[in-house]
Protein backbone atom coordinates (compact mmCIF):
# COMPACT_ATOMS: atom_id res chain seq x y z
CA UNK A 1 0.00 0.00 0.00
CA UNK A 2 1.47 3.42 -0.94
CA UNK A 3 2.12 5.87 1.89
CA UNK A 4 -0.60 8.42 2.52
CA UNK A 5 0.13 11.99 1.65
CA UNK A 6 -0.47 14.41 4.46
CA UNK A 7 -3.01 17.08 3.76
CA UNK A 8 -2.50 20.50 5.24
CA UNK A 9 -4.70 21.23 8.22
CA UNK A 10 -7.73 23.28 7.27
CA UNK A 11 -9.48 25.29 9.90
CA UNK A 12 -13.00 26.55 9.53
CA UNK A 13 -13.13 30.27 8.93
CA UNK A 14 -14.46 32.03 11.99
CA UNK A 15 -14.04 35.51 13.32
CA UNK A 16 -11.89 36.27 16.34
CA UNK A 17 -14.04 38.69 18.30
CA UNK A 18 -12.18 41.12 20.56
CA UNK A 19 -14.45 42.79 23.10
CA UNK A 20 -13.44 45.87 25.06
CA UNK A 21 -15.35 46.15 28.34
CA UNK A 22 -15.00 49.71 29.64
CA UNK A 23 -15.92 51.22 33.01
CA UNK A 24 -16.58 54.74 31.69
CA UNK A 25 -17.58 56.27 35.03
CA UNK A 26 -14.34 55.17 36.72
CA UNK A 27 -12.25 56.08 33.65
CA UNK A 28 -13.73 59.59 33.53
CA UNK A 29 -13.35 60.09 37.29
CA UNK A 30 -9.72 58.92 37.34
CA UNK A 31 -8.81 60.11 33.83
CA UNK A 32 -7.21 56.67 33.47
CA UNK A 33 -8.33 54.05 31.00
CA UNK A 34 -5.65 51.45 31.86
CA UNK A 35 -7.32 50.50 35.15
CA UNK A 36 -10.81 50.56 33.63
CA UNK A 37 -10.41 48.57 30.40
CA UNK A 38 -10.91 44.81 30.26
CA UNK A 39 -10.19 43.04 26.95
CA UNK A 40 -11.40 39.58 25.99
CA UNK A 41 -11.38 37.53 22.81
CA UNK A 42 -12.96 34.34 21.51
CA UNK A 43 -9.66 32.60 20.78
CA UNK A 44 -8.56 31.35 24.21
CA UNK A 45 -8.48 27.76 22.90
CA UNK A 46 -5.81 28.82 20.37
CA UNK A 47 -3.65 30.33 23.11
CA UNK A 48 -4.74 33.94 23.60
CA UNK A 49 -3.56 35.38 26.94
CA UNK A 50 -4.08 38.46 29.09
CA UNK A 51 -7.86 38.15 29.42
CA UNK A 52 -9.45 40.93 31.47
CA UNK A 53 -6.46 43.27 31.04
CA UNK A 54 -5.63 46.02 28.54
CA UNK A 55 -2.70 43.84 27.38
CA UNK A 56 -4.65 41.07 25.69
CA UNK A 57 -2.55 38.91 23.33
CA UNK A 58 -4.90 37.49 20.69
CA UNK A 59 -3.59 34.43 18.83
CA UNK A 60 -4.35 34.81 15.14
CA UNK A 61 -3.36 33.40 11.76
CA UNK A 62 -3.29 34.73 8.25
CA UNK A 63 -6.84 34.92 6.91
CA UNK A 64 -8.53 35.26 10.31
CA UNK A 65 -11.27 37.86 10.44
CA UNK A 66 -11.03 40.15 13.45
CA UNK A 67 -14.07 41.86 14.91
CA UNK A 68 -13.72 44.50 17.64
CA UNK A 69 -16.66 45.75 19.70
CA UNK A 70 -17.16 47.61 22.98
CA UNK A 71 -19.42 47.09 25.99
CA UNK A 72 -19.82 49.74 28.70
CA UNK A 73 -20.13 48.56 32.30
CA UNK A 74 -22.46 51.52 32.91
CA UNK A 75 -25.12 51.39 30.21
CA UNK A 76 -26.15 55.03 30.73
CA UNK A 77 -22.69 56.43 29.96
CA UNK A 78 -21.62 56.74 26.33
CA UNK A 79 -18.66 54.66 25.15
CA UNK A 80 -17.47 54.28 21.56
CA UNK A 81 -14.42 52.67 19.98
CA UNK A 82 -13.26 55.45 17.67
CA UNK A 83 -9.99 54.18 16.23
CA UNK A 84 -7.67 51.18 15.97
CA UNK A 85 -4.06 51.87 15.01
CA UNK A 86 -2.09 48.85 13.79
CA UNK A 87 0.61 48.19 11.21
CA UNK A 88 -1.32 48.24 7.90
CA UNK A 89 0.85 45.38 6.61
CA UNK A 90 -0.81 43.19 9.26
CA UNK A 91 -4.44 44.40 9.22
CA UNK A 92 -6.49 47.41 8.13
CA UNK A 93 -9.42 47.87 10.52
CA UNK A 94 -12.60 49.29 9.03
CA UNK A 95 -15.43 50.91 10.99
CA UNK A 96 -18.85 49.41 10.26
CA UNK A 97 -22.39 49.72 11.61
CA UNK A 98 -24.82 46.85 12.12
CA UNK A 99 -27.64 47.34 9.58
CA UNK A 100 -30.70 49.12 10.94
CA UNK A 101 -28.91 50.21 14.15
CA UNK A 102 -26.38 52.74 15.36
CA UNK A 103 -24.18 49.99 16.84
CA UNK A 104 -20.60 50.33 15.62
CA UNK A 105 -18.00 47.59 15.28
CA UNK A 106 -14.64 47.31 13.56
CA UNK A 107 -13.40 44.49 11.36
CA UNK A 108 -10.18 43.50 9.61
CA UNK A 109 -8.53 40.48 8.03
CA UNK A 110 -5.11 39.31 9.21
CA UNK A 111 -2.90 39.70 6.12
CA UNK A 112 0.02 37.50 7.15
CA UNK A 113 1.14 34.96 9.71
CA UNK A 114 2.92 36.61 12.62
CA UNK A 115 6.33 35.63 13.98
CA UNK A 116 6.30 38.23 16.78
CA UNK A 117 3.49 40.04 18.62
CA UNK A 118 2.16 43.12 16.82
CA UNK A 119 0.89 45.75 19.27
CA UNK A 120 -2.01 48.00 18.38
CA UNK A 121 -3.69 51.04 19.91
CA UNK A 122 -7.36 51.46 20.74
CA UNK A 123 -9.02 54.87 21.20
CA UNK A 124 -12.39 55.48 22.85
CA UNK A 125 -14.80 58.34 23.37
CA UNK A 126 -16.28 58.39 26.89
CA UNK A 127 -19.28 60.35 28.14
CA UNK A 128 -19.41 63.89 26.76
CA UNK A 129 -15.61 64.34 26.61
CA UNK A 130 -14.56 65.11 23.04
CA UNK A 131 -10.91 64.05 23.45
CA UNK A 132 -10.36 60.33 22.85
CA UNK A 133 -9.02 58.14 25.66
CA UNK A 134 -6.29 55.60 24.85
CA UNK A 135 -4.70 53.22 27.34
CA UNK A 136 -0.92 53.31 27.68
CA UNK A 137 -0.92 49.50 27.79
CA UNK A 138 -1.12 47.93 24.34
CA UNK A 139 -2.98 44.82 23.29
CA UNK A 140 -1.33 42.80 20.53
CA UNK A 141 -1.99 40.23 17.86
CA UNK A 142 0.25 37.19 18.24
CA UNK A 143 0.95 34.26 15.96
CA UNK A 144 1.25 30.64 16.99
CA UNK A 145 5.01 30.59 16.31
CA UNK A 146 5.85 33.21 18.96
CA UNK A 147 4.94 31.02 21.95
CA UNK A 148 7.47 31.35 24.72
CA UNK A 149 8.69 34.78 23.60
CA UNK A 150 6.38 36.60 25.97
CA UNK A 151 6.17 36.43 29.74
CA UNK A 152 3.28 34.47 31.19
């Protein structure tokens, strides 16, 4: 019997959703987003780390669709994700609105496999303040081949 040829592993296409949970009342009172931003993603099984911190490391691969959204802890205080800055060679986030609503989300496709973490910057509008808030801590996209290069 001839040896079997190995087929490359195919994963189903699914989005990696990155959710920013913001405590806008505390962030406005302290003028500090770092202590009031909690990031989560749907890719923990693939090795994402840093859940519940502003330094989330989302494990991604080339072709993954990323979807960013925001949830305020205080539903009566306005919070909006206004910008995502990341190396455009890796991903180009686009602002979108769910049809028939005013609910905003951002989406991008990962353009290449990553060998090192790629940090990005999130900016938010909070309450009636017109100047965007950005945490000093940076979340990052990370590829499967950079395991062990970051502290756990």
